[in-house]
Protein backbone atom coordinates (compact mmCIF):
# COMPACT_ATOMS: atom_id res chain seq x y z
CA MET A 1 56.94 -14.15 24.23
CA VAL A 2 55.31 -14.49 20.83
CA GLN A 3 58.42 -16.15 19.42
CA ASN A 4 58.58 -18.65 22.30
CA LEU A 5 54.90 -19.49 21.82
CA ALA A 6 55.49 -19.86 18.08
CA ARG A 7 58.37 -22.30 18.64
CA THR A 8 56.26 -24.26 21.14
CA LEU A 9 53.33 -24.54 18.73
CA GLY A 10 55.52 -25.05 15.70
CA LEU A 11 54.10 -22.04 13.91
CA SER A 12 55.55 -18.87 12.43
CA PRO A 13 55.36 -15.65 14.48
CA THR A 14 52.98 -14.14 11.91
CA SER A 15 50.60 -17.09 12.26
CA VAL A 16 50.69 -16.79 16.03
CA ASN A 17 49.93 -13.05 15.82
CA LEU A 18 46.99 -13.68 13.51
CA LEU A 19 45.75 -16.42 15.84
CA VAL A 20 45.97 -14.08 18.86
CA ILE A 21 44.10 -11.38 16.98
CA SER A 22 41.40 -13.83 15.88
CA VAL A 23 40.88 -15.14 19.43
CA SER A 24 40.80 -11.59 20.76
CA LEU A 25 38.19 -10.58 18.17
CA VAL A 26 36.01 -13.56 19.09
CA LEU A 27 36.29 -12.70 22.77
CA ALA A 28 35.49 -9.05 22.00
CA VAL A 29 32.34 -10.03 20.07
CA VAL A 30 31.22 -12.40 22.85
CA LEU A 31 31.91 -9.88 25.61
CA GLY A 32 30.24 -7.08 23.62
CA SER A 33 27.16 -9.25 23.05
CA ILE A 34 26.95 -10.03 26.77
CA LEU A 35 27.25 -6.35 27.70
CA GLY A 36 24.67 -5.42 25.06
CA HIS A 37 22.27 -8.07 26.36
CA PHE A 38 22.73 -6.79 29.91
CA LEU A 39 22.10 -3.17 28.90
CA ARG A 40 19.08 -4.17 26.83
CA GLY A 41 17.59 -6.14 29.71
CA TYR A 42 18.21 -3.31 32.15
CA GLY A 43 16.56 -0.88 29.73
CA LYS A 44 13.39 -3.00 29.67
CA ARG A 45 13.14 -2.65 33.45
CA VAL A 46 13.29 1.13 33.19
CA ARG A 47 9.78 2.53 33.27
CA ASN A 48 10.71 5.73 31.50
CA PRO A 49 10.24 5.28 27.71
CA TRP A 50 13.10 7.62 26.89
CA GLY A 51 15.33 5.84 29.38
CA GLU A 52 14.57 2.58 27.63
CA LEU A 53 15.46 4.26 24.34
CA VAL A 54 18.83 5.40 25.72
CA PHE A 55 19.71 1.94 27.03
CA SER A 56 18.66 0.36 23.73
CA PHE A 57 21.10 2.68 21.99
CA LEU A 58 23.87 1.93 24.50
CA ALA A 59 23.31 -1.79 23.98
CA SER A 60 24.45 -1.45 20.37
CA LEU A 61 27.79 0.19 21.31
CA PRO A 62 29.89 -2.55 23.05
CA PRO A 63 30.42 -5.04 20.14
CA PRO A 64 31.77 -2.59 17.51
CA LEU A 65 33.77 -0.57 20.07
CA LEU A 66 35.44 -3.66 21.55
CA VAL A 67 36.28 -4.98 18.07
CA TRP A 68 37.81 -1.63 17.17
CA LEU A 69 39.76 -1.58 20.46
CA VAL A 70 41.13 -5.10 19.90
CA LEU A 71 42.34 -4.22 16.41
CA TYR A 72 43.92 -0.98 17.59
CA VAL A 73 45.74 -2.59 20.54
CA SER A 74 46.84 -5.55 18.43
CA LEU A 75 48.24 -3.25 15.78
CA ARG A 76 50.21 -1.31 18.38
CA ALA A 77 51.33 -4.19 20.59
CA LEU A 78 52.15 -6.95 18.11
CA HIS A 79 55.04 -6.86 15.66
CA LEU A 80 53.36 -7.53 12.36
CA PRO A 81 54.81 -7.40 8.86
CA ARG A 82 54.43 -4.11 7.06
CA HIS A 83 51.74 -5.52 4.78
CA TYR A 84 49.58 -6.60 7.74
CA GLU A 85 50.21 -3.31 9.55
CA ARG A 86 48.94 -1.37 6.54
CA LEU A 87 45.94 -3.68 6.23
CA GLY A 88 45.22 -3.32 9.95
CA SER A 89 45.39 0.47 9.75
CA GLU A 90 42.94 0.48 6.86
CA LEU A 91 40.58 -1.85 8.73
CA ILE A 92 40.66 0.39 11.79
CA SER A 93 39.95 3.45 9.64
CA ALA A 94 37.12 1.59 7.90
CA LEU A 95 35.62 0.56 11.23
CA MET A 96 35.84 4.13 12.48
CA ALA A 97 34.05 5.34 9.35
CA ILE A 98 31.35 2.69 9.79
CA ALA A 99 30.93 3.70 13.43
CA VAL A 100 30.56 7.35 12.44
CA TYR A 101 27.59 6.40 10.23
CA TYR A 102 26.26 3.48 12.28
CA PHE A 103 25.70 5.10 15.67
CA PRO A 104 23.66 8.10 14.39
CA ALA A 105 21.69 5.77 12.12
CA GLN A 106 20.98 3.43 15.04
CA ALA A 107 19.89 6.35 17.22
CA ILE A 108 17.51 7.59 14.50
CA VAL A 109 16.05 4.08 13.98
CA LEU A 110 15.44 3.62 17.71
CA PHE A 111 13.85 7.06 17.91
CA LEU A 112 11.54 6.22 14.99
CA ARG A 113 10.51 2.98 16.68
CA ARG A 114 9.69 4.84 19.86
CA MET A 115 7.68 7.45 17.98
CA ALA A 116 5.77 4.68 16.19
CA GLU A 117 4.73 3.20 19.55
CA VAL A 118 3.54 6.62 20.72
CA ASP A 119 1.76 7.85 17.56
CA ARG A 120 0.59 4.47 16.26
CA ARG A 121 2.22 5.09 12.90
CA ARG A 122 4.14 1.85 12.74
CA GLN A 123 4.23 1.42 8.97
CA LEU A 124 5.46 4.96 8.34
CA ALA A 125 8.14 4.56 11.01
CA GLN A 126 9.23 1.23 9.51
CA PHE A 127 9.57 2.87 6.11
CA ALA A 128 11.61 5.75 7.55
CA ALA A 129 13.83 3.26 9.40
CA PHE A 130 14.36 1.33 6.16
CA VAL A 131 15.40 4.53 4.38
CA VAL A 132 17.87 5.36 7.17
CA ARG A 133 19.38 1.86 7.10
CA SER A 134 19.65 1.94 3.31
CA LEU A 135 21.47 5.27 3.35
CA PHE A 136 23.79 3.93 6.04
CA VAL A 137 24.62 0.81 4.01
CA VAL A 138 25.29 2.70 0.77
CA VAL A 139 27.31 5.56 2.32
CA ALA A 140 29.28 3.27 4.65
CA ALA A 141 30.08 0.83 1.84
CA TYR A 142 31.24 3.67 -0.42
CA THR A 143 33.43 5.12 2.36
CA VAL A 144 34.99 1.73 3.14
CA GLN A 145 35.78 1.23 -0.53
CA GLU A 146 37.51 4.61 -0.64
CA ILE A 147 39.56 3.82 2.48
CA LEU A 148 40.73 0.34 1.52
CA THR A 149 43.49 -0.05 -1.05
CA LEU A 150 42.18 -2.58 -3.52
CA PRO A 151 43.39 -3.79 -6.90
CA PRO A 152 41.78 -1.94 -9.83
CA ARG A 153 39.74 -4.99 -10.77
CA TYR A 154 38.19 -5.22 -7.32
CA GLU A 155 37.62 -1.45 -7.21
CA ARG A 156 35.60 -1.63 -10.42
CA LEU A 157 33.69 -4.61 -9.07
CA GLY A 158 32.96 -2.73 -5.84
CA GLU A 159 31.72 0.32 -7.74
CA THR A 160 29.42 -1.88 -9.84
CA VAL A 161 28.04 -3.64 -6.80
CA LEU A 162 27.44 -0.34 -5.02
CA THR A 163 25.68 1.10 -8.06
CA VAL A 164 23.40 -1.92 -8.36
CA LEU A 165 22.73 -1.83 -4.62
CA ALA A 166 21.87 1.88 -4.65
CA ILE A 167 19.52 1.54 -7.64
CA GLY A 168 17.80 -1.49 -6.13
CA LEU A 169 17.32 0.18 -2.75
CA PHE A 170 16.04 3.39 -4.37
CA PHE A 171 13.33 1.65 -6.38
CA TYR A 172 12.46 -0.63 -3.48
CA ALA A 173 11.98 2.44 -1.28
CA LEU A 174 9.77 4.03 -3.94
CA THR A 175 7.70 0.84 -4.12
CA ARG A 176 7.24 0.74 -0.36
CA LEU A 177 6.30 4.42 -0.31
CA VAL A 178 3.59 3.96 -2.95
CA THR A 179 2.21 0.80 -1.32
CA LEU A 180 2.21 2.59 2.03
CA TYR A 181 0.19 5.42 0.51
CA LEU A 182 -2.26 2.95 -1.05
CA GLY A 183 -2.60 1.22 2.32
CA GLY A 184 -3.53 4.55 3.89
CA VAL A 185 -6.14 5.09 1.18
CA VAL A 186 -7.67 1.67 1.96
CA GLN A 187 -7.81 2.49 5.68
CA LYS A 188 -9.82 5.63 4.90
CA SER A 189 -12.00 3.99 2.22
CA PRO A 190 -12.10 0.17 2.61
CA GLU A 191 -14.28 -0.15 -0.50
CA LEU A 192 -11.28 0.91 -2.62
CA GLN A 193 -9.32 -2.20 -1.68
CA ARG A 194 -10.31 -3.91 -4.94
CA VAL A 195 -8.59 -1.03 -6.75
CA THR A 196 -5.50 -0.57 -4.58
CA GLU A 197 -4.48 -4.25 -4.54
CA PRO A 198 -3.97 -4.57 -8.32
CA ALA A 199 -2.56 -1.04 -8.40
CA ALA A 200 0.07 -2.00 -5.81
CA PHE A 201 0.93 -5.12 -7.82
CA ALA A 202 1.28 -3.05 -11.01
CA VAL A 203 3.54 -0.56 -9.20
CA ARG A 204 5.81 -3.37 -7.99
CA ILE A 205 6.11 -4.80 -11.50
CA LEU A 206 6.73 -1.36 -13.05
CA PHE A 207 9.45 -0.34 -10.58
CA ALA A 208 11.08 -3.78 -10.80
CA LEU A 209 11.29 -3.50 -14.59
CA LEU A 210 12.65 0.06 -14.40
CA ALA A 211 15.27 -1.00 -11.86
CA ALA A 212 16.27 -3.99 -13.99
CA PHE A 213 16.61 -1.86 -17.14
CA ILE A 214 18.69 0.82 -15.39
CA ILE A 215 20.93 -1.81 -13.77
CA LEU A 216 21.50 -3.53 -17.10
CA GLU A 217 22.38 -0.19 -18.72
CA ASN A 218 24.91 0.50 -15.96
CA LEU A 219 26.40 -2.94 -16.48
CA GLY A 220 27.03 -2.11 -20.13
CA ILE A 221 24.16 -4.16 -21.54
CA HIS A 222 22.49 -1.83 -24.05
CA LEU A 223 18.76 -2.29 -24.49
CA THR A 224 18.12 -0.16 -27.59
CA VAL A 225 17.06 -3.14 -29.67
CA ILE A 226 14.85 -4.41 -26.84
CA TRP A 227 13.20 -1.00 -26.42
CA THR A 228 12.49 -0.83 -30.16
CA THR A 229 11.05 -4.34 -30.18
CA LEU A 230 8.89 -3.60 -27.15
CA GLY A 231 7.61 -0.40 -28.76
CA VAL A 232 6.54 -2.12 -31.96
CA GLY A 233 5.13 -5.08 -30.04
CA SER A 234 3.14 -2.86 -27.68
CA VAL A 235 1.48 -1.10 -30.63
CA ALA A 236 0.51 -4.45 -32.15
CA VAL A 237 -0.81 -5.73 -28.83
CA ALA A 238 -2.78 -2.51 -28.23
CA LEU A 239 -4.46 -2.81 -31.64
CA ALA A 240 -5.28 -6.49 -31.11
CA LEU A 241 -6.67 -5.92 -27.62
CA GLN A 242 -8.40 -2.62 -28.29
CA GLU A 243 -11.82 -3.71 -27.02
CA THR A 244 -10.36 -5.54 -24.02
CA LEU A 245 -8.22 -2.57 -23.06
CA SER A 246 -11.21 -0.25 -23.51
CA ASN A 247 -13.23 -2.35 -21.08
CA PHE A 248 -10.27 -2.57 -18.70
CA PHE A 249 -9.69 1.18 -18.52
CA SER A 250 -13.42 1.77 -18.22
CA GLY A 251 -13.30 -0.57 -15.23
CA LEU A 252 -10.48 1.55 -13.81
CA TYR A 253 -12.84 4.52 -14.04
CA LEU A 254 -15.88 2.73 -12.60
CA LEU A 255 -14.14 1.13 -9.61
CA PRO A 256 -12.74 4.28 -7.95
CA ASP A 257 -15.48 6.65 -9.14
CA ARG A 258 -18.21 4.29 -7.84
CA PRO A 259 -21.26 5.56 -9.73
CA ILE A 260 -22.78 2.16 -8.96
CA SER A 261 -22.18 -0.45 -6.27
CA PRO A 262 -23.30 -4.04 -5.75
CA SER A 263 -26.99 -4.31 -4.67
CA ASP A 264 -27.87 -0.94 -6.29
CA TYR A 265 -30.93 -0.91 -8.53
CA ILE A 266 -30.06 0.90 -11.75
CA LYS A 267 -31.61 1.66 -15.13
CA LEU A 268 -29.68 2.45 -18.30
CA ASP A 269 -30.74 4.74 -21.11
CA SER A 270 -30.79 1.67 -23.36
CA GLY A 271 -33.60 0.17 -21.26
CA GLN A 272 -31.78 -2.49 -19.21
CA GLU A 273 -32.50 -2.34 -15.50
CA GLY A 274 -31.87 -4.48 -12.46
CA TYR A 275 -29.73 -5.05 -9.39
CA VAL A 276 -25.95 -4.68 -9.70
CA VAL A 277 -24.35 -8.01 -8.80
CA HIS A 278 -20.66 -7.47 -9.50
CA VAL A 279 -18.44 -4.69 -10.88
CA GLY A 280 -15.30 -6.21 -12.37
CA TRP A 281 -12.33 -5.04 -14.42
CA ARG A 282 -13.85 -6.08 -17.77
CA SER A 283 -17.62 -6.23 -17.26
CA THR A 284 -20.46 -5.57 -14.83
CA SER A 285 -23.16 -8.11 -13.99
CA MET A 286 -26.75 -7.05 -13.38
CA ARG A 287 -29.70 -9.19 -12.19
CA THR A 288 -33.09 -8.28 -13.64
CA LEU A 289 -36.43 -8.59 -11.87
CA GLY A 290 -37.00 -11.76 -13.90
CA ASN A 291 -33.95 -13.25 -12.13
CA ASN A 292 -31.78 -13.17 -15.24
CA ILE A 293 -28.16 -12.01 -15.38
CA VAL A 294 -27.22 -9.30 -17.86
CA VAL A 295 -23.48 -8.85 -18.48
CA LEU A 296 -22.53 -5.35 -19.61
CA PRO A 297 -19.04 -4.50 -20.94
CA ASN A 298 -17.54 -1.70 -18.89
CA ALA A 299 -16.94 0.38 -22.02
CA VAL A 300 -20.70 0.39 -22.70
CA LEU A 301 -21.50 1.13 -19.06
CA ALA A 302 -19.04 4.02 -18.91
CA LYS A 303 -20.76 5.73 -21.87
CA ALA A 304 -24.33 5.05 -20.74
CA VAL A 305 -26.66 7.40 -18.87
CA ILE A 306 -27.33 5.58 -15.59
CA THR A 307 -30.20 6.20 -13.22
CA ASN A 308 -29.24 4.84 -9.81
CA TYR A 309 -32.33 4.38 -7.65
CA ALA A 310 -30.23 3.47 -4.59
CA GLN A 311 -28.35 6.77 -4.35
CA PRO A 312 -28.25 9.01 -2.43
CA ALA A 313 -30.86 6.90 -0.58
CA SER A 314 -32.92 3.89 -1.54
CA ARG A 315 -36.13 5.60 -0.26
CA MET A 316 -38.11 7.33 -2.97
CA SER A 317 -41.51 8.94 -3.61
CA LEU A 318 -44.21 7.20 -5.62
CA ASP A 319 -46.99 9.04 -7.43
CA ILE A 320 -50.19 7.06 -8.01
CA HIS A 321 -52.63 8.58 -10.49
CA VAL A 322 -56.36 8.17 -9.74
CA SER A 323 -59.26 9.32 -11.94
CA VAL A 324 -62.90 9.79 -10.87
CA PRO A 325 -65.98 10.98 -12.84
CA HIS A 326 -66.93 14.62 -13.02
CA GLY A 327 -69.36 15.80 -10.36
CA MET A 328 -67.63 14.21 -7.36
CA ASP A 329 -66.46 16.38 -4.47
CA ALA A 330 -62.74 16.95 -5.05
CA ARG A 331 -61.91 17.56 -1.36
CA ARG A 332 -63.77 14.40 -0.33
CA VAL A 333 -61.84 12.39 -2.92
CA GLU A 334 -58.55 13.77 -1.62
CA ARG A 335 -59.50 12.82 1.97
CA MET A 336 -60.56 9.34 0.86
CA LEU A 337 -57.29 8.77 -1.00
CA VAL A 338 -55.25 9.85 2.04
CA GLU A 339 -57.33 7.60 4.32
CA VAL A 340 -56.86 4.62 2.02
CA ALA A 341 -53.07 5.23 1.95
CA GLU A 342 -52.92 5.53 5.74
CA GLU A 343 -54.97 2.35 6.15
CA ALA A 344 -52.61 0.54 3.78
CA ALA A 345 -49.65 1.76 5.87
CA ARG A 346 -51.32 0.49 9.05
CA ASP A 347 -51.86 -2.87 7.33
CA ARG A 348 -48.09 -2.93 6.74
CA ILE A 349 -48.16 -3.18 2.99
CA GLU A 350 -44.67 -4.29 1.94
CA GLY A 351 -42.42 -1.40 1.04
CA LEU A 352 -44.82 1.36 2.11
CA LEU A 353 -43.23 3.68 4.70
CA THR A 354 -45.41 4.79 7.60
CA GLU A 355 -43.23 7.58 8.96
CA PHE A 356 -43.97 9.81 5.97
CA PRO A 357 -47.65 10.97 5.70
CA PRO A 358 -49.29 10.53 2.27
CA SER A 359 -50.73 13.45 0.30
CA ALA A 360 -53.38 13.79 -2.42
CA LYS A 361 -53.83 16.69 -4.86
CA LEU A 362 -56.06 17.48 -7.81
CA ILE A 363 -53.15 17.20 -10.20
CA PRO A 364 -53.03 17.20 -13.20
CA GLY A 365 -56.65 18.39 -12.78
CA PHE A 366 -59.64 18.24 -15.14
CA GLY A 367 -59.66 15.64 -17.89
CA PRO A 368 -62.16 15.25 -20.76
CA SER A 369 -64.57 13.32 -18.55
CA THR A 370 -62.71 12.78 -15.27
CA LEU A 371 -61.08 14.49 -12.36
CA ASP A 372 -57.44 13.38 -12.25
CA PHE A 373 -55.77 13.14 -8.82
CA THR A 374 -52.22 12.24 -7.73
CA LEU A 375 -51.61 10.32 -4.51
CA GLY A 376 -48.07 10.68 -3.21
CA VAL A 377 -46.51 8.12 -0.85
CA GLN A 378 -43.00 7.15 0.22
CA ILE A 379 -41.70 3.63 -0.52
CA ARG A 380 -38.61 1.77 0.67
CA THR A 381 -37.00 0.91 -2.69
CA PHE A 382 -37.65 1.37 -6.38
CA VAL A 383 -39.04 -2.14 -6.90
CA ASP A 384 -41.60 -1.66 -4.11
CA GLN A 385 -43.63 0.51 -6.47
CA ILE A 386 -44.77 -2.67 -8.23
CA SER A 387 -46.57 -4.05 -5.18
CA ASN A 388 -47.95 -0.63 -4.19
CA THR A 389 -49.46 0.24 -7.56
CA GLU A 390 -51.28 -3.04 -7.98
């Protein structure tokens, strides 16, 4: 039958066999896609989540199984030259090996997707699915290379490609793992986003460089001279940028440690004080009460003794010292001071808190010619003491 068809078409029997196999493979792919689409659609109508998972897995089976069946039947039914028979046998074995790895990997990926929908851990499930797919690709490709009989040149090329692929996937997985961890840190502490974003970028650059260096070494490109040059150059750059790097690493300490935050009122041991405007990688800006901006290098700020009047709370106590002549009734003076403070609170003096009762005591006590009292009140912020002491 094949020979008659070959004479009718004016082709060789081998060409006709290859044409029949090609048409059969196309039909197998089309039919498998239709069956997979039908199973996938039926699975969406199933209300049971695990039933939907099973049908999603079954939907991935028809295309590869039908392709394998077409190759197997064609190899047994058609009379092919010995070279094509050997090639067909190797292809069938390779497809079987791929199927052995593919179906469990697909089942694990679908299970991870389902668990992500249940536990709301989508990013972690996506990372795990990526790792499973990567392992499948590397192991399946290595197995196929072992099964197929290739010329030595192509075997060496395949080994090189697989090595590069494995190294690239390994470092890419490490990068995704670190960025996933940093994303979880940001979800717990959104204020650390300004730290995690550049850290994630630095991790990507670092792992990309490491992967590139290892790949080049495996390709036979030795980087000894480059490493030596980079070492000497890094020392020179570090010496030239000593102050800049000092400020930068001090910023790395200040940003996650958060001893100060924007809008905090702080005072340094050197005397500068004001509101924190911005905490950057190199410097920190501070606005004084005179509405001037003071820019402090982070290296200076990291070494300074800082008094933060906004932590743990912006509310603070204010002691007002009052002196009266000797001979006055101390208890009456204390009552008068408390009454004046309460009246000021009722008049809504700015910054004076009414929910905390004032107190007056004969402290520090007797002076040379006066009785010295201390009136204690609670104010809203540190700068409110200016308006309350006037």
